[in-house]
């Protein structure tokens, strides 16, 4: 599943109150009309590339409240690596939805000088449920536990910085080339940040531009980040997403090493 798939699924579910069972068409219509408030993050299954349309929106069990989030800390400087080190402690691919606030703070703090960040959505509550994505067998469901998105501006143009903690039940890779795993994108490489291997590559946005994508593998899933020069047009015309009134940023605002350092920052995980 590409970053655009994950982003669109999150967009479609923002601000939708937990409903009774509905048909997929009815559920999508409600999601498209919902206001851009995050009163409830519900489980959703919608048709995208490689994703099966489920029969209804359902609400999984509520997530437990987390311990107080750690302070935002600067990540160590990264270095390029072709191996997969096993130095850093294993972290789990789970988080309360309210961890989005801490993720957002880390993303904004990591922006280079000359850029500032803002959000379009209220932050989540600990009781809000993950987004469930059902794929064709033998794939298992994918759960988006926490999701944060930053509109990045330099005063002239706008871009986007996105992060999500996703669980698919996959074990943590312990060896081999991470770029040999699925959905590696273009120009893939592995960057080691203080013993944390982060896979970084390029994907295409909805207009064919480059999206810099980083994936940090966790026990049971992964942390995914994406940086692009423009504001995504996913959901344009719906209350969740209005067209940006500013052009795209004139240049990428993060390097591969900088995005990898954010992914390896301990504060990105609960």
C-alpha atoms as a PDB file:
ATOM      1  CA  UNK A   1       0.000   0.000   0.000  1.00  0.00           C
ATOM      2  CA  UNK A   2       1.497   3.332  -1.058  1.00  0.00           C
ATOM      3  CA  UNK A   3       1.648   6.513   0.983  1.00  0.00           C
ATOM      4  CA  UNK A   4      -1.152   7.998  -1.139  1.00  0.00           C
ATOM      5  CA  UNK A   5      -3.405   5.042  -0.260  1.00  0.00           C
ATOM      6  CA  UNK A   6      -2.753   5.450   3.455  1.00  0.00           C
ATOM      7  CA  UNK A   7      -3.174   9.220   3.324  1.00  0.00           C
ATOM      8  CA  UNK A   8      -6.493   9.014   1.449  1.00  0.00           C
ATOM      9  CA  UNK A   9      -7.905   6.469   3.886  1.00  0.00           C
ATOM     10  CA  UNK A  10      -7.039   8.743   6.798  1.00  0.00           C
ATOM     11  CA  UNK A  11      -8.552  11.754   5.017  1.00  0.00           C
ATOM     12  CA  UNK A  12     -11.826   9.929   4.389  1.00  0.00           C
ATOM     13  CA  UNK A  13     -12.273   9.056   8.054  1.00  0.00           C
ATOM     14  CA  UNK A  14     -11.359  12.332   9.752  1.00  0.00           C
ATOM     15  CA  UNK A  15     -14.300  13.809  11.608  1.00  0.00           C
ATOM     16  CA  UNK A  16     -16.690  10.887  11.138  1.00  0.00           C
ATOM     17  CA  UNK A  17     -18.629   9.916  14.276  1.00  0.00           C
ATOM     18  CA  UNK A  18     -18.837   6.187  15.026  1.00  0.00           C
ATOM     19  CA  UNK A  19     -21.886   5.012  13.024  1.00  0.00           C
ATOM     20  CA  UNK A  20     -24.025   1.890  12.957  1.00  0.00           C
ATOM     21  CA  UNK A  21     -23.266  -0.613  10.205  1.00  0.00           C
ATOM     22  CA  UNK A  22     -23.831   0.797   6.719  1.00  0.00           C
ATOM     23  CA  UNK A  23     -23.151  -0.110   3.133  1.00  0.00           C
ATOM     24  CA  UNK A  24     -19.806   0.992   1.722  1.00  0.00           C
ATOM     25  CA  UNK A  25     -21.441   3.591  -0.544  1.00  0.00           C
ATOM     26  CA  UNK A  26     -23.407   5.071   2.327  1.00  0.00           C
ATOM     27  CA  UNK A  27     -20.354   5.144   4.569  1.00  0.00           C
ATOM     28  CA  UNK A  28     -18.269   6.938   1.950  1.00  0.00           C
ATOM     29  CA  UNK A  29     -21.012   9.491   1.358  1.00  0.00           C
ATOM     30  CA  UNK A  30     -21.136  10.285   5.068  1.00  0.00           C
ATOM     31  CA  UNK A  31     -17.355  10.552   5.224  1.00  0.00           C
ATOM     32  CA  UNK A  32     -17.354  12.991   2.287  1.00  0.00           C
ATOM     33  CA  UNK A  33     -19.864  15.281   4.031  1.00  0.00           C
ATOM     34  CA  UNK A  34     -18.302  15.172   7.487  1.00  0.00           C
ATOM     35  CA  UNK A  35     -16.913  18.392   8.965  1.00  0.00           C
ATOM     36  CA  UNK A  36     -13.162  18.626   9.482  1.00  0.00           C
ATOM     37  CA  UNK A  37     -13.258  17.886  13.179  1.00  0.00           C
ATOM     38  CA  UNK A  38     -11.872  14.757  14.717  1.00  0.00           C
ATOM     39  CA  UNK A  39     -14.577  13.836  17.228  1.00  0.00           C
ATOM     40  CA  UNK A  40     -14.124  10.177  16.370  1.00  0.00           C
ATOM     41  CA  UNK A  41     -11.580   8.264  14.290  1.00  0.00           C
ATOM     42  CA  UNK A  42     -13.437   5.183  13.053  1.00  0.00           C
ATOM     43  CA  UNK A  43     -12.362   2.008  11.325  1.00  0.00           C
ATOM     44  CA  UNK A  44     -12.851   2.206   7.574  1.00  0.00           C
ATOM     45  CA  UNK A  45     -12.439   0.065   4.493  1.00  0.00           C
ATOM     46  CA  UNK A  46     -12.638   1.737   1.078  1.00  0.00           C
ATOM     47  CA  UNK A  47     -11.707   0.785  -2.465  1.00  0.00           C
ATOM     48  CA  UNK A  48      -8.210   1.863  -3.482  1.00  0.00           C
ATOM     49  CA  UNK A  49      -5.461   0.223  -5.498  1.00  0.00           C
ATOM     50  CA  UNK A  50      -5.018  -3.248  -4.042  1.00  0.00           C
ATOM     51  CA  UNK A  51      -7.622  -2.694  -1.307  1.00  0.00           C
ATOM     52  CA  UNK A  52     -10.951  -4.504  -1.102  1.00  0.00           C
ATOM     53  CA  UNK A  53     -14.147  -2.526  -0.458  1.00  0.00           C
ATOM     54  CA  UNK A  54     -15.592  -3.730   2.823  1.00  0.00           C
ATOM     55  CA  UNK A  55     -19.311  -3.891   3.480  1.00  0.00           C
ATOM     56  CA  UNK A  56     -19.413  -1.347   6.290  1.00  0.00           C
ATOM     57  CA  UNK A  57     -17.691   1.057   8.611  1.00  0.00           C
ATOM     58  CA  UNK A  58     -17.116  -0.639  11.954  1.00  0.00           C
ATOM     59  CA  UNK A  59     -15.714   0.517  15.276  1.00  0.00           C
ATOM     60  CA  UNK A  60     -13.021  -1.720  16.853  1.00  0.00           C
ATOM     61  CA  UNK A  61     -12.449  -1.876  20.592  1.00  0.00           C
ATOM     62  CA  UNK A  62     -11.364   1.401  22.148  1.00  0.00           C
ATOM     63  CA  UNK A  63      -7.654   1.907  22.634  1.00  0.00           C
ATOM     64  CA  UNK A  64      -6.291   2.223  26.191  1.00  0.00           C
ATOM     65  CA  UNK A  65      -5.000   5.588  27.316  1.00  0.00           C
ATOM     66  CA  UNK A  66      -1.245   5.942  27.036  1.00  0.00           C
ATOM     67  CA  UNK A  67       1.294   7.100  29.563  1.00  0.00           C
ATOM     68  CA  UNK A  68       2.366  10.760  29.306  1.00  0.00           C
ATOM     69  CA  UNK A  69       4.169  11.337  26.020  1.00  0.00           C
ATOM     70  CA  UNK A  70       7.935  11.888  26.157  1.00  0.00           C
ATOM     71  CA  UNK A  71       9.360  15.310  25.506  1.00  0.00           C
ATOM     72  CA  UNK A  72      10.281  16.193  21.959  1.00  0.00           C
ATOM     73  CA  UNK A  73      13.967  15.442  21.528  1.00  0.00           C
ATOM     74  CA  UNK A  74      16.371  15.937  18.693  1.00  0.00           C
ATOM     75  CA  UNK A  75      17.301  12.761  16.838  1.00  0.00           C
ATOM     76  CA  UNK A  76      20.967  11.845  16.312  1.00  0.00           C
ATOM     77  CA  UNK A  77      22.558  12.664  12.993  1.00  0.00           C
ATOM     78  CA  UNK A  78      21.980   9.855  10.465  1.00  0.00           C
ATOM     79  CA  UNK A  79      24.485   7.993   8.335  1.00  0.00           C
ATOM     80  CA  UNK A  80      23.933   6.009   5.153  1.00  0.00           C
ATOM     81  CA  UNK A  81      24.044   2.221   5.603  1.00  0.00           C
ATOM     82  CA  UNK A  82      23.517  -0.743   3.320  1.00  0.00           C
ATOM     83  CA  UNK A  83      23.041  -3.242   6.167  1.00  0.00           C
ATOM     84  CA  UNK A  84      20.246  -3.639   8.710  1.00  0.00           C
ATOM     85  CA  UNK A  85      21.742  -3.139  12.170  1.00  0.00           C
ATOM     86  CA  UNK A  86      20.032  -4.687  15.206  1.00  0.00           C
ATOM     87  CA  UNK A  87      21.194  -2.251  17.861  1.00  0.00           C
ATOM     88  CA  UNK A  88      18.140  -0.171  18.760  1.00  0.00           C
ATOM     89  CA  UNK A  89      15.517  -1.658  21.112  1.00  0.00           C
ATOM     90  CA  UNK A  90      12.475  -3.213  19.449  1.00  0.00           C
ATOM     91  CA  UNK A  91       9.440  -0.910  19.393  1.00  0.00           C
ATOM     92  CA  UNK A  92       5.840  -1.976  18.857  1.00  0.00           C
ATOM     93  CA  UNK A  93       3.554  -0.684  16.077  1.00  0.00           C
ATOM     94  CA  UNK A  94       0.786   0.515  18.369  1.00  0.00           C
ATOM     95  CA  UNK A  95      -0.262   3.867  19.812  1.00  0.00           C
ATOM     96  CA  UNK A  96      -3.328   5.655  21.142  1.00  0.00           C
ATOM     97  CA  UNK A  97      -4.915   7.970  18.592  1.00  0.00           C
ATOM     98  CA  UNK A  98      -4.062  10.908  20.870  1.00  0.00           C
ATOM     99  CA  UNK A  99      -0.357  10.315  20.180  1.00  0.00           C
ATOM    100  CA  UNK A 100      -1.011  12.397  17.051  1.00  0.00           C
ATOM    101  CA  UNK A 101      -0.339  15.548  19.089  1.00  0.00           C
ATOM    102  CA  UNK A 102       3.163  14.418  20.030  1.00  0.00           C
ATOM    103  CA  UNK A 103       3.859  13.298  16.456  1.00  0.00           C
ATOM    104  CA  UNK A 104       2.690  16.686  15.175  1.00  0.00           C
ATOM    105  CA  UNK A 105       4.976  18.509  17.624  1.00  0.00           C
ATOM    106  CA  UNK A 106       7.977  16.453  16.493  1.00  0.00           C
ATOM    107  CA  UNK A 107       7.214  17.108  12.817  1.00  0.00           C
ATOM    108  CA  UNK A 108       6.899  20.863  13.337  1.00  0.00           C
ATOM    109  CA  UNK A 109      10.049  21.036  15.479  1.00  0.00           C
ATOM    110  CA  UNK A 110      12.004  19.269  12.718  1.00  0.00           C
ATOM    111  CA  UNK A 111      11.193  21.835  10.024  1.00  0.00           C
ATOM    112  CA  UNK A 112      14.262  23.756   8.834  1.00  0.00           C
ATOM    113  CA  UNK A 113      14.637  27.482   9.440  1.00  0.00           C
ATOM    114  CA  UNK A 114      12.366  29.519   7.189  1.00  0.00           C
ATOM    115  CA  UNK A 115       9.468  27.048   7.319  1.00  0.00           C
ATOM    116  CA  UNK A 116       6.544  26.882   9.701  1.00  0.00           C
ATOM    117  CA  UNK A 117       3.841  24.271  10.176  1.00  0.00           C
ATOM    118  CA  UNK A 118       0.105  24.278  10.845  1.00  0.00           C
ATOM    119  CA  UNK A 119      -2.699  21.734  11.063  1.00  0.00           C
ATOM    120  CA  UNK A 120      -6.250  21.666   9.690  1.00  0.00           C
ATOM    121  CA  UNK A 121      -7.677  19.234  12.244  1.00  0.00           C
ATOM    122  CA  UNK A 122      -8.325  19.067  15.997  1.00  0.00           C
ATOM    123  CA  UNK A 123      -6.243  16.458  17.758  1.00  0.00           C
ATOM    124  CA  UNK A 124      -7.586  13.019  18.661  1.00  0.00           C
ATOM    125  CA  UNK A 125      -8.739  11.624  22.003  1.00  0.00           C
ATOM    126  CA  UNK A 126      -7.261   8.446  23.575  1.00  0.00           C
ATOM    127  CA  UNK A 127     -10.576   6.601  23.139  1.00  0.00           C
ATOM    128  CA  UNK A 128     -10.687   7.089  19.383  1.00  0.00           C
ATOM    129  CA  UNK A 129     -10.359   3.967  17.283  1.00  0.00           C
ATOM    130  CA  UNK A 130      -7.799   3.052  14.612  1.00  0.00           C
ATOM    131  CA  UNK A 131      -8.560   3.024  10.905  1.00  0.00           C
ATOM    132  CA  UNK A 132      -8.959  -0.544   9.642  1.00  0.00           C
ATOM    133  CA  UNK A 133      -8.002  -1.294   6.044  1.00  0.00           C
ATOM    134  CA  UNK A 134      -8.968  -4.692   4.613  1.00  0.00           C
ATOM    135  CA  UNK A 135      -6.884  -6.037   1.721  1.00  0.00           C
ATOM    136  CA  UNK A 136      -7.479  -9.154  -0.403  1.00  0.00           C
ATOM    137  CA  UNK A 137      -6.413 -12.497   1.175  1.00  0.00           C
ATOM    138  CA  UNK A 138      -3.918 -13.653   2.227  1.00  0.00           C
ATOM    139  CA  UNK A 139      -3.155 -10.130   3.455  1.00  0.00           C
ATOM    140  CA  UNK A 140      -4.188  -9.258   7.000  1.00  0.00           C
ATOM    141  CA  UNK A 141      -5.997  -6.027   7.969  1.00  0.00           C
ATOM    142  CA  UNK A 142      -3.895  -2.893   8.368  1.00  0.00           C
ATOM    143  CA  UNK A 143      -4.648  -0.606  11.317  1.00  0.00           C
ATOM    144  CA  UNK A 144      -3.630   3.066  11.347  1.00  0.00           C
ATOM    145  CA  UNK A 145      -3.259   3.770  15.075  1.00  0.00           C
ATOM    146  CA  UNK A 146      -2.059   7.377  14.999  1.00  0.00           C
ATOM    147  CA  UNK A 147      -1.909   9.915  12.188  1.00  0.00           C
ATOM    148  CA  UNK A 148      -0.471  13.441  11.983  1.00  0.00           C
ATOM    149  CA  UNK A 149      -0.229  15.857   9.082  1.00  0.00           C
ATOM    150  CA  UNK A 150       1.458  19.255   8.842  1.00  0.00           C
ATOM    151  CA  UNK A 151       0.907  21.924   6.209  1.00  0.00           C
ATOM    152  CA  UNK A 152       4.400  23.336   5.618  1.00  0.00           C
ATOM    153  CA  UNK A 153       4.750  26.957   4.499  1.00  0.00           C
ATOM    154  CA  UNK A 154       7.619  29.283   3.685  1.00  0.00           C
ATOM    155  CA  UNK A 155       5.323  32.298   3.284  1.00  0.00           C
ATOM    156  CA  UNK A 156       5.122  31.873  -0.479  1.00  0.00           C
ATOM    157  CA  UNK A 157       4.215  28.235  -1.111  1.00  0.00           C
ATOM    158  CA  UNK A 158       2.830  25.258   0.785  1.00  0.00           C
ATOM    159  CA  UNK A 159       3.850  21.614   1.082  1.00  0.00           C
ATOM    160  CA  UNK A 160       2.906  18.668   3.268  1.00  0.00           C
ATOM    161  CA  UNK A 161       4.531  16.496   5.952  1.00  0.00           C
ATOM    162  CA  UNK A 162       2.700  13.350   7.010  1.00  0.00           C
ATOM    163  CA  UNK A 163       3.264  10.552   9.545  1.00  0.00           C
ATOM    164  CA  UNK A 164       1.320   7.427  10.528  1.00  0.00           C
ATOM    165  CA  UNK A 165       1.851   4.459  12.844  1.00  0.00           C
ATOM    166  CA  UNK A 166       0.446   1.375  11.104  1.00  0.00           C
ATOM    167  CA  UNK A 167       0.063  -2.222  12.313  1.00  0.00           C
ATOM    168  CA  UNK A 168      -0.197  -5.180   9.940  1.00  0.00           C
ATOM    169  CA  UNK A 169       1.047  -7.959  12.220  1.00  0.00           C
ATOM    170  CA  UNK A 170       4.345  -8.388  10.371  1.00  0.00           C
ATOM    171  CA  UNK A 171       7.386  -9.317  12.462  1.00  0.00           C
ATOM    172  CA  UNK A 172      10.269  -6.893  12.674  1.00  0.00           C
ATOM    173  CA  UNK A 173      12.765  -7.558   9.835  1.00  0.00           C
ATOM    174  CA  UNK A 174      15.976  -8.843  11.393  1.00  0.00           C
ATOM    175  CA  UNK A 175      18.241  -9.120   8.369  1.00  0.00           C
ATOM    176  CA  UNK A 176      18.581  -8.627   4.660  1.00  0.00           C
ATOM    177  CA  UNK A 177      18.048  -5.568   2.514  1.00  0.00           C
ATOM    178  CA  UNK A 178      15.039  -3.446   3.522  1.00  0.00           C
ATOM    179  CA  UNK A 179      14.903  -2.113  -0.032  1.00  0.00           C
ATOM    180  CA  UNK A 180      14.099  -5.651  -1.200  1.00  0.00           C
ATOM    181  CA  UNK A 181      10.831  -5.561   0.756  1.00  0.00           C
ATOM    182  CA  UNK A 182       7.587  -4.500  -1.009  1.00  0.00           C
ATOM    183  CA  UNK A 183       6.765  -0.887  -1.885  1.00  0.00           C
ATOM    184  CA  UNK A 184      10.321   0.365  -1.625  1.00  0.00           C
ATOM    185  CA  UNK A 185       9.751   3.128  -4.164  1.00  0.00           C
ATOM    186  CA  UNK A 186      12.397   4.637  -6.406  1.00  0.00           C
ATOM    187  CA  UNK A 187      16.000   5.409  -5.426  1.00  0.00           C
ATOM    188  CA  UNK A 188      15.592   3.320  -2.279  1.00  0.00           C
ATOM    189  CA  UNK A 189      18.297   3.272   0.363  1.00  0.00           C
ATOM    190  CA  UNK A 190      18.607   2.437   4.046  1.00  0.00           C
ATOM    191  CA  UNK A 191      19.809   5.166   6.407  1.00  0.00           C
ATOM    192  CA  UNK A 192      21.056   4.197   9.854  1.00  0.00           C
ATOM    193  CA  UNK A 193      20.256   6.671  12.640  1.00  0.00           C
ATOM    194  CA  UNK A 194      21.961   5.614  15.887  1.00  0.00           C
ATOM    195  CA  UNK A 195      21.207   1.958  15.238  1.00  0.00           C
ATOM    196  CA  UNK A 196      17.714   2.526  13.832  1.00  0.00           C
ATOM    197  CA  UNK A 197      17.466   1.484  10.163  1.00  0.00           C
ATOM    198  CA  UNK A 198      15.095   3.667   8.146  1.00  0.00           C
ATOM    199  CA  UNK A 199      14.187   2.894   4.533  1.00  0.00           C
ATOM    200  CA  UNK A 200      13.862   6.000   2.357  1.00  0.00           C
ATOM    201  CA  UNK A 201      12.698   6.253  -1.253  1.00  0.00           C
ATOM    202  CA  UNK A 202      10.602   8.243  -3.693  1.00  0.00           C
ATOM    203  CA  UNK A 203       6.967   7.669  -4.662  1.00  0.00           C
ATOM    204  CA  UNK A 204       4.715   9.597  -7.052  1.00  0.00           C
ATOM    205  CA  UNK A 205       2.044  11.945  -5.769  1.00  0.00           C
ATOM    206  CA  UNK A 206      -1.387  12.213  -7.395  1.00  0.00           C
ATOM    207  CA  UNK A 207       0.028  14.671  -9.953  1.00  0.00           C
ATOM    208  CA  UNK A 208       3.186  12.708 -10.745  1.00  0.00           C
ATOM    209  CA  UNK A 209       5.521  14.719  -8.529  1.00  0.00           C
ATOM    210  CA  UNK A 210       8.036  13.226  -6.106  1.00  0.00           C
ATOM    211  CA  UNK A 211       7.087  12.301  -2.541  1.00  0.00           C
ATOM    212  CA  UNK A 212       9.968  11.488  -0.195  1.00  0.00           C
ATOM    213  CA  UNK A 213       8.849   8.511   1.916  1.00  0.00           C
ATOM    214  CA  UNK A 214      10.535   7.024   4.987  1.00  0.00           C
ATOM    215  CA  UNK A 215       9.553   3.769   6.670  1.00  0.00           C
ATOM    216  CA  UNK A 216      10.807   2.643  10.067  1.00  0.00           C
ATOM    217  CA  UNK A 217       9.942  -1.000  10.653  1.00  0.00           C
ATOM    218  CA  UNK A 218       8.477  -1.914  14.046  1.00  0.00           C
ATOM    219  CA  UNK A 219       7.344  -5.105  15.732  1.00  0.00           C
ATOM    220  CA  UNK A 220       3.981  -5.755  14.099  1.00  0.00           C
ATOM    221  CA  UNK A 221       4.055  -2.901  11.593  1.00  0.00           C
ATOM    222  CA  UNK A 222       5.833   0.337  10.750  1.00  0.00           C
ATOM    223  CA  UNK A 223       6.070   4.100  11.143  1.00  0.00           C
ATOM    224  CA  UNK A 224       5.622   5.847   7.788  1.00  0.00           C
ATOM    225  CA  UNK A 225       6.510   9.459   6.959  1.00  0.00           C
ATOM    226  CA  UNK A 226       6.133  11.422   3.729  1.00  0.00           C
ATOM    227  CA  UNK A 227       7.260  14.886   2.659  1.00  0.00           C
ATOM    228  CA  UNK A 228       6.167  16.596  -0.533  1.00  0.00           C
ATOM    229  CA  UNK A 229       6.463  20.083  -1.976  1.00  0.00           C
ATOM    230  CA  UNK A 230       2.735  20.497  -2.634  1.00  0.00           C
ATOM    231  CA  UNK A 231      -0.426  20.059  -0.572  1.00  0.00           C
ATOM    232  CA  UNK A 232      -2.039  16.755  -1.657  1.00  0.00           C
ATOM    233  CA  UNK A 233      -5.217  17.055  -3.675  1.00  0.00           C
ATOM    234  CA  UNK A 234      -6.764  13.945  -2.115  1.00  0.00           C
ATOM    235  CA  UNK A 235     -10.300  14.789  -1.059  1.00  0.00           C
ATOM    236  CA  UNK A 236     -10.467  18.133  -2.851  1.00  0.00           C
ATOM    237  CA  UNK A 237     -13.994  19.497  -2.885  1.00  0.00           C
ATOM    238  CA  UNK A 238     -14.951  17.806   0.391  1.00  0.00           C
ATOM    239  CA  UNK A 239     -15.142  19.536   3.783  1.00  0.00           C
ATOM    240  CA  UNK A 240     -12.034  17.634   4.884  1.00  0.00           C
ATOM    241  CA  UNK A 241      -9.769  19.088   2.213  1.00  0.00           C
ATOM    242  CA  UNK A 242     -10.026  22.448   0.527  1.00  0.00           C
ATOM    243  CA  UNK A 243      -7.758  23.544  -2.336  1.00  0.00           C
ATOM    244  CA  UNK A 244      -4.560  25.248  -1.253  1.00  0.00           C
ATOM    245  CA  UNK A 245      -4.553  28.924  -2.150  1.00  0.00           C
ATOM    246  CA  UNK A 246      -0.768  28.914  -2.462  1.00  0.00           C
ATOM    247  CA  UNK A 247       1.533  27.260  -5.011  1.00  0.00           C
ATOM    248  CA  UNK A 248       3.849  24.392  -4.212  1.00  0.00           C
ATOM    249  CA  UNK A 249       7.088  25.067  -2.373  1.00  0.00           C
ATOM    250  CA  UNK A 250       9.945  26.011  -4.649  1.00  0.00           C
ATOM    251  CA  UNK A 251      12.201  23.195  -3.424  1.00  0.00           C
ATOM    252  CA  UNK A 252      12.066  20.119  -1.165  1.00  0.00           C
ATOM    253  CA  UNK A 253      12.081  21.188   2.487  1.00  0.00           C
ATOM    254  CA  UNK A 254      13.638  17.982   3.891  1.00  0.00           C
ATOM    255  CA  UNK A 255      16.454  15.729   2.719  1.00  0.00           C
ATOM    256  CA  UNK A 256      16.339  11.937   2.933  1.00  0.00           C
ATOM    257  CA  UNK A 257      18.677  12.092   5.929  1.00  0.00           C
ATOM    258  CA  UNK A 258      16.484  14.631   7.713  1.00  0.00           C
ATOM    259  CA  UNK A 259      13.315  12.595   7.145  1.00  0.00           C
ATOM    260  CA  UNK A 260      15.081   9.453   8.392  1.00  0.00           C
ATOM    261  CA  UNK A 261      16.180  11.328  11.522  1.00  0.00           C
ATOM    262  CA  UNK A 262      12.552  12.252  12.247  1.00  0.00           C
ATOM    263  CA  UNK A 263      11.481   8.622  11.815  1.00  0.00           C
ATOM    264  CA  UNK A 264      14.175   7.520  14.273  1.00  0.00           C
ATOM    265  CA  UNK A 265      13.270  10.162  16.863  1.00  0.00           C
ATOM    266  CA  UNK A 266      12.108   8.298  20.011  1.00  0.00           C
ATOM    267  CA  UNK A 267       9.294  10.822  20.525  1.00  0.00           C
ATOM    268  CA  UNK A 268       7.583   9.687  17.310  1.00  0.00           C
ATOM    269  CA  UNK A 269       6.535   6.521  19.170  1.00  0.00           C
ATOM    270  CA  UNK A 270       4.605   6.368  22.467  1.00  0.00           C
END
